Amino acid sequence: MRGQPVFFVASMLAATLISSGLGSCVFDGNGVDFPAPSAPDAAPESETCGDGTCATHESCSSCPADCDTCPPEPVCGDGTCADGESCDSCPGDCICEADLVCGDDVCEAPETCTSCEADCGACVTGSVSASAETEKLSDDEDAEDAAVWIHPSDPAASTVIGTARGEDGGLHVYDLAGEEIQFLELGPLSGVDLRYGFPLDGSSVTLVAAGKRSDDSIALYRVNPSTRELESLPGDRLRLEISIYGSCMYRNAATGKYYFFATAKSGEGEQWDDGSGHGNPRTPRP
């Protein structure tokens, strides 16, 4: 048992000699010499121009076939301050900061609106404020989506139709001054959209659709141009097969058909068609 630690120390010494390269031979612990291993010869690096390898002693100037074409040398006087040029070596292309003149009507880097308003103009500051806005919604409502209805003969009489989330939410109709014209308490809504020229019982109306989140249904209305208020369409409210989270409308220009799209948080969606002009969409397509 006493000889084992000696063998271990000798083996460790041998490993140390090998790794440090201090000896020309090693020992196996029993005093037998073995030649020290030598590193394998590295494969010679090819330096043949045209072999597709840019070797150590090749360059873009000596072998462009392997090392690509060298970038063009900068030309002083071409109006571009290229790499290798400076305001000292080529003042015509590169402008030193000390040579900049504030007030020469040329905004040159590093001049800015802050350092030289005379050349670069005044910095734009301040905030944008609305020319008109609505009253703040109740504490139980959160504004979410809006659609703009353009009056057919008087653009100034146009309205903004907005949705509000929350148990007290619904559809708000505002004039362009921000004054409320109508409020329909429907509970939380997913969105609102509208399309013009919808054929309804022989008339052409503006169709307004909103996704009702409380019961996953489609609320449909038309705009009364005289009162600018929303009027419910006849028929039962359409129930969706998904938990509605977003919605929009679309009109096919080629066929003239109208569609309502609804999406859920899960990524599922439903598409409803226009119900043959009766304001009552048919079976949905997933």
C-alpha atoms as a PDB file:
ATOM      1  CA  MET A   1       0.000   0.000   0.000  1.00  0.00           C
ATOM      2  CA  ARG A   2       2.956   2.329   0.595  1.00  0.00           C
ATOM      3  CA  GLY A   3       4.078   2.048  -3.051  1.00  0.00           C
ATOM      4  CA  GLN A   4       0.837   3.383  -4.505  1.00  0.00           C
ATOM      5  CA  PRO A   5       1.344   7.026  -3.503  1.00  0.00           C
ATOM      6  CA  VAL A   6       4.844   6.930  -5.071  1.00  0.00           C
ATOM      7  CA  PHE A   7       3.381   5.714  -8.377  1.00  0.00           C
ATOM      8  CA  PHE A   8       0.730   8.449  -8.233  1.00  0.00           C
ATOM      9  CA  VAL A   9       3.322  11.182  -7.631  1.00  0.00           C
ATOM     10  CA  ALA A  10       5.509   9.872 -10.432  1.00  0.00           C
ATOM     11  CA  SER A  11       2.558   9.814 -12.785  1.00  0.00           C
ATOM     12  CA  MET A  12       1.643  13.376 -11.855  1.00  0.00           C
ATOM     13  CA  LEU A  13       5.256  14.437 -12.396  1.00  0.00           C
ATOM     14  CA  ALA A  14       5.254  12.799 -15.797  1.00  0.00           C
ATOM     15  CA  ALA A  15       2.088  14.613 -16.753  1.00  0.00           C
ATOM     16  CA  THR A  16       3.582  17.910 -15.586  1.00  0.00           C
ATOM     17  CA  LEU A  17       6.716  17.364 -17.648  1.00  0.00           C
ATOM     18  CA  ILE A  18       4.696  16.545 -20.731  1.00  0.00           C
ATOM     19  CA  SER A  19       2.390  19.538 -20.421  1.00  0.00           C
ATOM     20  CA  SER A  20       5.224  21.969 -19.717  1.00  0.00           C
ATOM     21  CA  GLY A  21       7.635  20.558 -22.268  1.00  0.00           C
ATOM     22  CA  LEU A  22      10.488  20.506 -19.728  1.00  0.00           C
ATOM     23  CA  GLY A  23      11.727  16.979 -20.361  1.00  0.00           C
ATOM     24  CA  SER A  24      12.750  14.859 -23.324  1.00  0.00           C
ATOM     25  CA  CYS A  25      11.383  11.653 -21.801  1.00  0.00           C
ATOM     26  CA  VAL A  26       8.717  10.521 -19.352  1.00  0.00           C
ATOM     27  CA  PHE A  27       8.444   7.833 -16.711  1.00  0.00           C
ATOM     28  CA  ASP A  28       5.642   5.380 -16.140  1.00  0.00           C
ATOM     29  CA  GLY A  29       6.177   5.117 -12.390  1.00  0.00           C
ATOM     30  CA  ASN A  30       8.386   2.012 -12.588  1.00  0.00           C
ATOM     31  CA  GLY A  31      11.484   3.812 -13.838  1.00  0.00           C
ATOM     32  CA  VAL A  32      11.110   2.876 -17.525  1.00  0.00           C
ATOM     33  CA  ASP A  33      11.983   5.533 -20.112  1.00  0.00           C
ATOM     34  CA  PHE A  34       9.708   6.382 -23.038  1.00  0.00           C
ATOM     35  CA  PRO A  35      10.402   8.930 -25.782  1.00  0.00           C
ATOM     36  CA  ALA A  36       8.493  12.153 -25.318  1.00  0.00           C
ATOM     37  CA  PRO A  37       5.594  12.481 -27.796  1.00  0.00           C
ATOM     38  CA  SER A  38       5.958  15.159 -30.416  1.00  0.00           C
ATOM     39  CA  ALA A  39       3.158  17.326 -31.848  1.00  0.00           C
ATOM     40  CA  PRO A  40       1.901  16.265 -35.287  1.00  0.00           C
ATOM     41  CA  ASP A  41       3.174  18.336 -38.161  1.00  0.00           C
ATOM     42  CA  ALA A  42       0.634  20.997 -39.246  1.00  0.00           C
ATOM     43  CA  ALA A  43      -0.649  20.726 -42.765  1.00  0.00           C
ATOM     44  CA  PRO A  44       1.231  23.156 -44.973  1.00  0.00           C
ATOM     45  CA  GLU A  45      -0.830  26.227 -45.853  1.00  0.00           C
ATOM     46  CA  SER A  46      -1.459  26.581 -49.549  1.00  0.00           C
ATOM     47  CA  GLU A  47      -0.187  29.865 -50.971  1.00  0.00           C
ATOM     48  CA  THR A  48      -1.167  29.319 -54.582  1.00  0.00           C
ATOM     49  CA  CYS A  49      -2.937  32.359 -55.961  1.00  0.00           C
ATOM     50  CA  GLY A  50      -6.166  31.231 -57.503  1.00  0.00           C
ATOM     51  CA  ASP A  51      -6.901  28.258 -55.236  1.00  0.00           C
ATOM     52  CA  GLY A  52      -9.796  30.044 -53.562  1.00  0.00           C
ATOM     53  CA  THR A  53      -8.045  30.468 -50.192  1.00  0.00           C
ATOM     54  CA  CYS A  54      -6.638  33.781 -49.014  1.00  0.00           C
ATOM     55  CA  ALA A  55      -3.466  32.480 -47.322  1.00  0.00           C
ATOM     56  CA  THR A  56      -1.374  34.283 -44.722  1.00  0.00           C
ATOM     57  CA  HIS A  57       1.045  35.874 -47.156  1.00  0.00           C
ATOM     58  CA  GLU A  58      -1.591  36.717 -49.764  1.00  0.00           C
ATOM     59  CA  SER A  59      -3.514  39.998 -49.851  1.00  0.00           C
ATOM     60  CA  CYS A  60      -6.012  41.861 -51.984  1.00  0.00           C
ATOM     61  CA  SER A  61      -3.140  43.535 -53.800  1.00  0.00           C
ATOM     62  CA  SER A  62      -0.993  40.417 -54.384  1.00  0.00           C
ATOM     63  CA  CYS A  63      -3.877  37.996 -55.094  1.00  0.00           C
ATOM     64  CA  PRO A  64      -7.293  39.570 -55.660  1.00  0.00           C
ATOM     65  CA  ALA A  65      -8.551  36.221 -56.995  1.00  0.00           C
ATOM     66  CA  ASP A  66      -8.379  34.741 -53.488  1.00  0.00           C
ATOM     67  CA  CYS A  67      -8.582  37.824 -51.251  1.00  0.00           C
ATOM     68  CA  ASP A  68     -11.115  39.946 -53.182  1.00  0.00           C
ATOM     69  CA  THR A  69     -10.509  43.339 -54.740  1.00  0.00           C
ATOM     70  CA  CYS A  70      -8.966  46.024 -52.586  1.00  0.00           C
ATOM     71  CA  PRO A  71     -11.264  48.959 -51.733  1.00  0.00           C
ATOM     72  CA  PRO A  72     -10.587  52.038 -53.842  1.00  0.00           C
ATOM     73  CA  GLU A  73      -8.147  54.553 -52.488  1.00  0.00           C
ATOM     74  CA  PRO A  74      -9.800  57.739 -51.213  1.00  0.00           C
ATOM     75  CA  VAL A  75      -9.727  60.617 -53.674  1.00  0.00           C
ATOM     76  CA  CYS A  76      -9.217  64.025 -52.111  1.00  0.00           C
ATOM     77  CA  GLY A  77     -11.557  66.494 -53.739  1.00  0.00           C
ATOM     78  CA  ASP A  78     -14.459  64.182 -54.545  1.00  0.00           C
ATOM     79  CA  GLY A  79     -16.644  65.783 -51.871  1.00  0.00           C
ATOM     80  CA  THR A  80     -16.705  62.680 -49.673  1.00  0.00           C
ATOM     81  CA  CYS A  81     -14.751  62.400 -46.447  1.00  0.00           C
ATOM     82  CA  ALA A  82     -13.722  58.741 -46.816  1.00  0.00           C
ATOM     83  CA  ASP A  83     -11.805  56.479 -44.457  1.00  0.00           C
ATOM     84  CA  GLY A  84      -8.191  57.560 -44.397  1.00  0.00           C
ATOM     85  CA  GLU A  85      -9.022  61.204 -45.048  1.00  0.00           C
ATOM     86  CA  SER A  86      -9.191  63.883 -42.390  1.00  0.00           C
ATOM     87  CA  CYS A  87      -9.628  67.615 -42.150  1.00  0.00           C
ATOM     88  CA  ASP A  88      -5.816  67.879 -42.040  1.00  0.00           C
ATOM     89  CA  SER A  89      -5.030  65.628 -45.034  1.00  0.00           C
ATOM     90  CA  CYS A  90      -7.986  66.708 -47.166  1.00  0.00           C
ATOM     91  CA  PRO A  91      -9.745  69.862 -45.923  1.00  0.00           C
ATOM     92  CA  GLY A  92     -11.743  70.032 -49.148  1.00  0.00           C
ATOM     93  CA  ASP A  93     -13.633  66.833 -48.238  1.00  0.00           C
ATOM     94  CA  CYS A  94     -13.391  66.772 -44.448  1.00  0.00           C
ATOM     95  CA  ILE A  95     -14.332  69.820 -42.400  1.00  0.00           C
ATOM     96  CA  CYS A  96     -12.652  70.319 -39.049  1.00  0.00           C
ATOM     97  CA  GLU A  97     -14.964  71.389 -36.263  1.00  0.00           C
ATOM     98  CA  ALA A  98     -12.767  74.414 -35.625  1.00  0.00           C
ATOM     99  CA  ASP A  99     -13.377  75.581 -39.203  1.00  0.00           C
ATOM    100  CA  LEU A 100     -17.168  75.547 -38.920  1.00  0.00           C
ATOM    101  CA  VAL A 101     -18.728  78.976 -39.141  1.00  0.00           C
ATOM    102  CA  CYS A 102     -22.084  79.426 -37.455  1.00  0.00           C
ATOM    103  CA  GLY A 103     -24.012  81.911 -39.530  1.00  0.00           C
ATOM    104  CA  ASP A 104     -22.884  80.899 -43.031  1.00  0.00           C
ATOM    105  CA  ASP A 105     -26.402  79.534 -43.793  1.00  0.00           C
ATOM    106  CA  VAL A 106     -25.047  75.980 -44.114  1.00  0.00           C
ATOM    107  CA  CYS A 107     -25.964  73.424 -41.430  1.00  0.00           C
ATOM    108  CA  GLU A 108     -22.943  71.119 -41.396  1.00  0.00           C
ATOM    109  CA  ALA A 109     -22.226  68.342 -38.914  1.00  0.00           C
ATOM    110  CA  PRO A 110     -21.626  68.621 -36.048  1.00  0.00           C
ATOM    111  CA  GLU A 111     -23.754  71.787 -36.093  1.00  0.00           C
ATOM    112  CA  THR A 112     -27.276  71.309 -34.750  1.00  0.00           C
ATOM    113  CA  CYS A 113     -30.303  73.433 -33.995  1.00  0.00           C
ATOM    114  CA  THR A 114     -28.972  73.676 -30.453  1.00  0.00           C
ATOM    115  CA  SER A 115     -25.406  74.737 -31.281  1.00  0.00           C
ATOM    116  CA  CYS A 116     -26.204  76.896 -34.328  1.00  0.00           C
ATOM    117  CA  GLU A 117     -29.797  77.981 -34.755  1.00  0.00           C
ATOM    118  CA  ALA A 118     -28.767  80.482 -37.459  1.00  0.00           C
ATOM    119  CA  ASP A 119     -27.704  77.663 -39.805  1.00  0.00           C
ATOM    120  CA  CYS A 120     -29.867  74.731 -38.679  1.00  0.00           C
ATOM    121  CA  GLY A 121     -33.040  76.526 -37.662  1.00  0.00           C
ATOM    122  CA  ALA A 122     -34.842  76.552 -34.366  1.00  0.00           C
ATOM    123  CA  CYS A 123     -35.346  73.274 -32.533  1.00  0.00           C
ATOM    124  CA  VAL A 124     -38.940  72.069 -32.553  1.00  0.00           C
ATOM    125  CA  THR A 125     -40.283  71.947 -29.024  1.00  0.00           C
ATOM    126  CA  GLY A 126     -43.637  71.990 -27.315  1.00  0.00           C
ATOM    127  CA  SER A 127     -46.631  69.689 -27.500  1.00  0.00           C
ATOM    128  CA  VAL A 128     -49.543  69.019 -29.833  1.00  0.00           C
ATOM    129  CA  SER A 129     -52.950  69.805 -28.413  1.00  0.00           C
ATOM    130  CA  ALA A 130     -56.344  68.792 -29.734  1.00  0.00           C
ATOM    131  CA  SER A 131     -58.615  71.441 -31.228  1.00  0.00           C
ATOM    132  CA  ALA A 132     -61.575  69.610 -29.706  1.00  0.00           C
ATOM    133  CA  GLU A 133     -62.017  66.693 -27.341  1.00  0.00           C
ATOM    134  CA  THR A 134     -64.759  64.831 -25.545  1.00  0.00           C
ATOM    135  CA  GLU A 135     -65.502  64.788 -21.856  1.00  0.00           C
ATOM    136  CA  LYS A 136     -63.687  62.175 -19.798  1.00  0.00           C
ATOM    137  CA  LEU A 137     -65.534  58.857 -19.618  1.00  0.00           C
ATOM    138  CA  SER A 138     -66.854  57.544 -16.315  1.00  0.00           C
ATOM    139  CA  ASP A 139     -64.544  55.688 -13.954  1.00  0.00           C
ATOM    140  CA  ASP A 140     -66.139  52.397 -15.054  1.00  0.00           C
ATOM    141  CA  GLU A 141     -65.371  52.983 -18.749  1.00  0.00           C
ATOM    142  CA  ASP A 142     -62.207  52.807 -20.847  1.00  0.00           C
ATOM    143  CA  ALA A 143     -62.147  54.284 -24.363  1.00  0.00           C
ATOM    144  CA  GLU A 144     -61.063  51.645 -26.857  1.00  0.00           C
ATOM    145  CA  ASP A 145     -62.002  52.070 -30.530  1.00  0.00           C
ATOM    146  CA  ALA A 146     -63.535  54.685 -32.824  1.00  0.00           C
ATOM    147  CA  ALA A 147     -64.983  55.038 -36.318  1.00  0.00           C
ATOM    148  CA  VAL A 148     -65.718  58.279 -38.188  1.00  0.00           C
ATOM    149  CA  TRP A 149     -68.978  58.696 -40.082  1.00  0.00           C
ATOM    150  CA  ILE A 150     -68.829  61.290 -42.888  1.00  0.00           C
ATOM    151  CA  HIS A 151     -72.132  63.104 -43.441  1.00  0.00           C
ATOM    152  CA  PRO A 152     -73.207  62.629 -47.110  1.00  0.00           C
ATOM    153  CA  SER A 153     -73.928  66.327 -47.762  1.00  0.00           C
ATOM    154  CA  ASP A 154     -72.448  68.308 -44.858  1.00  0.00           C
ATOM    155  CA  PRO A 155     -68.966  67.164 -43.742  1.00  0.00           C
ATOM    156  CA  ALA A 156     -69.126  69.508 -40.737  1.00  0.00           C
ATOM    157  CA  ALA A 157     -72.044  67.424 -39.452  1.00  0.00           C
ATOM    158  CA  SER A 158     -69.984  64.241 -39.406  1.00  0.00           C
ATOM    159  CA  THR A 159     -69.685  62.213 -36.219  1.00  0.00           C
ATOM    160  CA  VAL A 160     -67.239  60.074 -34.263  1.00  0.00           C
ATOM    161  CA  ILE A 161     -68.598  56.758 -32.991  1.00  0.00           C
ATOM    162  CA  GLY A 162     -66.549  55.397 -30.095  1.00  0.00           C
ATOM    163  CA  THR A 163     -66.623  52.247 -27.979  1.00  0.00           C
ATOM    164  CA  ALA A 164     -65.997  51.984 -24.257  1.00  0.00           C
ATOM    165  CA  ARG A 165     -65.039  48.943 -22.237  1.00  0.00           C
ATOM    166  CA  GLY A 166     -66.360  48.255 -18.751  1.00  0.00           C
ATOM    167  CA  GLU A 167     -69.692  47.200 -17.323  1.00  0.00           C
ATOM    168  CA  ASP A 168     -71.062  50.695 -17.993  1.00  0.00           C
ATOM    169  CA  GLY A 169     -69.550  50.816 -21.481  1.00  0.00           C
ATOM    170  CA  GLY A 170     -71.231  51.018 -24.856  1.00  0.00           C
ATOM    171  CA  LEU A 171     -71.354  53.173 -27.983  1.00  0.00           C
ATOM    172  CA  HIS A 172     -70.833  56.936 -27.744  1.00  0.00           C
ATOM    173  CA  VAL A 173     -71.682  59.212 -30.694  1.00  0.00           C
ATOM    174  CA  TYR A 174     -69.988  62.638 -30.731  1.00  0.00           C
ATOM    175  CA  ASP A 175     -70.099  65.620 -33.060  1.00  0.00           C
ATOM    176  CA  LEU A 176     -66.845  67.177 -34.293  1.00  0.00           C
ATOM    177  CA  ALA A 177     -66.796  69.574 -31.340  1.00  0.00           C
ATOM    178  CA  GLY A 178     -66.629  66.641 -28.943  1.00  0.00           C
ATOM    179  CA  GLU A 179     -70.220  67.011 -27.709  1.00  0.00           C
ATOM    180  CA  GLU A 180     -72.068  63.761 -27.121  1.00  0.00           C
ATOM    181  CA  ILE A 181     -75.097  63.197 -29.364  1.00  0.00           C
ATOM    182  CA  GLN A 182     -76.048  59.704 -28.242  1.00  0.00           C
ATOM    183  CA  PHE A 183     -75.013  56.943 -25.844  1.00  0.00           C
ATOM    184  CA  LEU A 184     -76.101  53.302 -26.120  1.00  0.00           C
ATOM    185  CA  GLU A 185     -75.324  51.363 -22.955  1.00  0.00           C
ATOM    186  CA  LEU A 186     -74.313  47.918 -24.208  1.00  0.00           C
ATOM    187  CA  GLY A 187     -71.631  46.867 -21.765  1.00  0.00           C
ATOM    188  CA  PRO A 188     -68.030  46.192 -22.871  1.00  0.00           C
ATOM    189  CA  LEU A 189     -67.455  46.227 -26.642  1.00  0.00           C
ATOM    190  CA  SER A 190     -64.562  44.841 -28.682  1.00  0.00           C
ATOM    191  CA  GLY A 191     -64.530  47.437 -31.451  1.00  0.00           C
ATOM    192  CA  VAL A 192     -66.661  49.357 -33.920  1.00  0.00           C
ATOM    193  CA  ASP A 193     -66.532  49.698 -37.691  1.00  0.00           C
ATOM    194  CA  LEU A 194     -68.799  51.039 -40.444  1.00  0.00           C
ATOM    195  CA  ARG A 195     -69.358  50.721 -44.182  1.00  0.00           C
ATOM    196  CA  TYR A 196     -71.344  52.964 -46.521  1.00  0.00           C
ATOM    197  CA  GLY A 197     -73.893  51.957 -49.148  1.00  0.00           C
ATOM    198  CA  PHE A 198     -75.221  48.832 -47.446  1.00  0.00           C
ATOM    199  CA  PRO A 199     -78.429  47.649 -49.202  1.00  0.00           C
ATOM    200  CA  LEU A 200     -81.159  47.307 -46.579  1.00  0.00           C
ATOM    201  CA  ASP A 201     -84.778  46.631 -47.573  1.00  0.00           C
ATOM    202  CA  GLY A 202     -84.437  48.611 -50.789  1.00  0.00           C
ATOM    203  CA  SER A 203     -82.486  51.499 -49.243  1.00  0.00           C
ATOM    204  CA  SER A 204     -78.786  52.342 -49.061  1.00  0.00           C
ATOM    205  CA  VAL A 205     -77.621  52.904 -45.479  1.00  0.00           C
ATOM    206  CA  THR A 206     -74.432  53.213 -43.481  1.00  0.00           C
ATOM    207  CA  LEU A 207     -74.009  49.953 -41.571  1.00  0.00           C
ATOM    208  CA  VAL A 208     -72.342  50.105 -38.140  1.00  0.00           C
ATOM    209  CA  ALA A 209     -71.203  46.909 -36.404  1.00  0.00           C
ATOM    210  CA  ALA A 210     -69.710  46.359 -32.957  1.00  0.00           C
ATOM    211  CA  GLY A 211     -68.600  43.217 -31.146  1.00  0.00           C
ATOM    212  CA  LYS A 212     -70.410  42.795 -27.818  1.00  0.00           C
ATOM    213  CA  ARG A 213     -68.093  41.091 -25.340  1.00  0.00           C
ATOM    214  CA  SER A 214     -70.641  40.448 -22.580  1.00  0.00           C
ATOM    215  CA  ASP A 215     -72.500  37.840 -24.659  1.00  0.00           C
ATOM    216  CA  ASP A 216     -70.162  37.363 -27.686  1.00  0.00           C
ATOM    217  CA  SER A 217     -72.614  38.805 -30.195  1.00  0.00           C
ATOM    218  CA  ILE A 218     -72.676  41.285 -33.103  1.00  0.00           C
ATOM    219  CA  ALA A 219     -74.545  44.542 -32.503  1.00  0.00           C
ATOM    220  CA  LEU A 220     -75.766  46.048 -35.806  1.00  0.00           C
ATOM    221  CA  TYR A 221     -77.002  49.611 -36.414  1.00  0.00           C
ATOM    222  CA  ARG A 222     -77.596  52.079 -39.200  1.00  0.00           C
ATOM    223  CA  VAL A 223     -76.902  55.817 -39.118  1.00  0.00           C
ATOM    224  CA  ASN A 224     -79.868  58.158 -39.431  1.00  0.00           C
ATOM    225  CA  PRO A 225     -78.470  61.089 -41.498  1.00  0.00           C
ATOM    226  CA  SER A 226     -81.072  63.491 -40.128  1.00  0.00           C
ATOM    227  CA  THR A 227     -80.527  62.889 -36.431  1.00  0.00           C
ATOM    228  CA  ARG A 228     -76.996  61.472 -36.801  1.00  0.00           C
ATOM    229  CA  GLU A 229     -77.981  58.833 -34.239  1.00  0.00           C
ATOM    230  CA  LEU A 230     -77.654  55.054 -34.453  1.00  0.00           C
ATOM    231  CA  GLU A 231     -80.771  52.950 -35.023  1.00  0.00           C
ATOM    232  CA  SER A 232     -80.936  49.215 -34.292  1.00  0.00           C
ATOM    233  CA  LEU A 233     -81.503  46.884 -37.216  1.00  0.00           C
ATOM    234  CA  PRO A 234     -84.377  44.403 -37.139  1.00  0.00           C
ATOM    235  CA  GLY A 235     -83.715  40.772 -36.334  1.00  0.00           C
ATOM    236  CA  ASP A 236     -82.110  38.813 -33.550  1.00  0.00           C
ATOM    237  CA  ARG A 237     -78.607  39.659 -32.379  1.00  0.00           C
ATOM    238  CA  LEU A 238     -76.058  37.261 -33.873  1.00  0.00           C
ATOM    239  CA  ARG A 239     -74.224  35.014 -31.421  1.00  0.00           C
ATOM    240  CA  LEU A 240     -70.616  34.133 -32.120  1.00  0.00           C
ATOM    241  CA  GLU A 241     -68.991  30.784 -31.412  1.00  0.00           C
ATOM    242  CA  ILE A 242     -65.813  32.371 -30.040  1.00  0.00           C
ATOM    243  CA  SER A 243     -65.031  34.746 -27.170  1.00  0.00           C
ATOM    244  CA  ILE A 244     -64.818  37.964 -29.162  1.00  0.00           C
ATOM    245  CA  TYR A 245     -61.852  40.252 -28.564  1.00  0.00           C
ATOM    246  CA  GLY A 246     -61.522  42.219 -31.816  1.00  0.00           C
ATOM    247  CA  SER A 247     -63.717  42.943 -34.821  1.00  0.00           C
ATOM    248  CA  CYS A 248     -63.870  44.800 -38.131  1.00  0.00           C
ATOM    249  CA  MET A 249     -65.860  44.994 -41.374  1.00  0.00           C
ATOM    250  CA  TYR A 250     -64.994  44.576 -45.058  1.00  0.00           C
ATOM    251  CA  ARG A 251     -66.709  45.166 -48.399  1.00  0.00           C
ATOM    252  CA  ASN A 252     -65.709  43.127 -51.441  1.00  0.00           C
ATOM    253  CA  ALA A 253     -65.403  45.633 -54.291  1.00  0.00           C
ATOM    254  CA  ALA A 254     -65.883  42.922 -56.939  1.00  0.00           C
ATOM    255  CA  THR A 255     -69.046  41.325 -55.534  1.00  0.00           C
ATOM    256  CA  GLY A 256     -70.401  44.174 -53.414  1.00  0.00           C
ATOM    257  CA  LYS A 257     -70.860  41.818 -50.457  1.00  0.00           C
ATOM    258  CA  TYR A 258     -70.230  42.938 -46.884  1.00  0.00           C
ATOM    259  CA  TYR A 259     -68.479  40.913 -44.198  1.00  0.00           C
ATOM    260  CA  PHE A 260     -67.929  41.052 -40.459  1.00  0.00           C
ATOM    261  CA  PHE A 261     -64.781  39.551 -38.941  1.00  0.00           C
ATOM    262  CA  ALA A 262     -64.372  38.631 -35.290  1.00  0.00           C
ATOM    263  CA  THR A 263     -61.244  37.380 -33.523  1.00  0.00           C
ATOM    264  CA  ALA A 264     -60.527  35.848 -30.129  1.00  0.00           C
ATOM    265  CA  LYS A 265     -57.442  36.100 -27.907  1.00  0.00           C
ATOM    266  CA  SER A 266     -56.689  32.475 -28.779  1.00  0.00           C
ATOM    267  CA  GLY A 267     -56.194  33.431 -32.436  1.00  0.00           C
ATOM    268  CA  GLU A 268     -59.493  31.902 -33.626  1.00  0.00           C
ATOM    269  CA  GLY A 269     -61.692  33.938 -35.929  1.00  0.00           C
ATOM    270  CA  GLU A 270     -65.099  33.994 -37.577  1.00  0.00           C
ATOM    271  CA  GLN A 271     -66.306  35.593 -40.804  1.00  0.00           C
ATOM    272  CA  TRP A 272     -69.963  36.478 -41.338  1.00  0.00           C
ATOM    273  CA  ASP A 273     -71.507  37.561 -44.633  1.00  0.00           C
ATOM    274  CA  ASP A 274     -74.089  40.308 -45.227  1.00  0.00           C
ATOM    275  CA  GLY A 275     -77.245  38.186 -44.989  1.00  0.00           C
ATOM    276  CA  SER A 276     -78.549  39.143 -48.451  1.00  0.00           C
ATOM    277  CA  GLY A 277     -79.215  42.741 -47.448  1.00  0.00           C
ATOM    278  CA  HIS A 278     -81.455  42.053 -44.476  1.00  0.00           C
ATOM    279  CA  GLY A 279     -79.007  43.066 -41.747  1.00  0.00           C
ATOM    280  CA  ASN A 280     -78.926  39.492 -40.425  1.00  0.00           C
ATOM    281  CA  PRO A 281     -75.669  37.694 -41.339  1.00  0.00           C
ATOM    282  CA  ARG A 282     -75.840  34.019 -42.185  1.00  0.00           C
ATOM    283  CA  THR A 283     -73.883  31.092 -40.754  1.00  0.00           C
ATOM    284  CA  PRO A 284     -70.295  32.041 -39.904  1.00  0.00           C
ATOM    285  CA  ARG A 285     -67.234  30.620 -41.630  1.00  0.00           C
ATOM    286  CA  PRO A 286     -64.355  29.785 -39.248  1.00  0.00           C
END
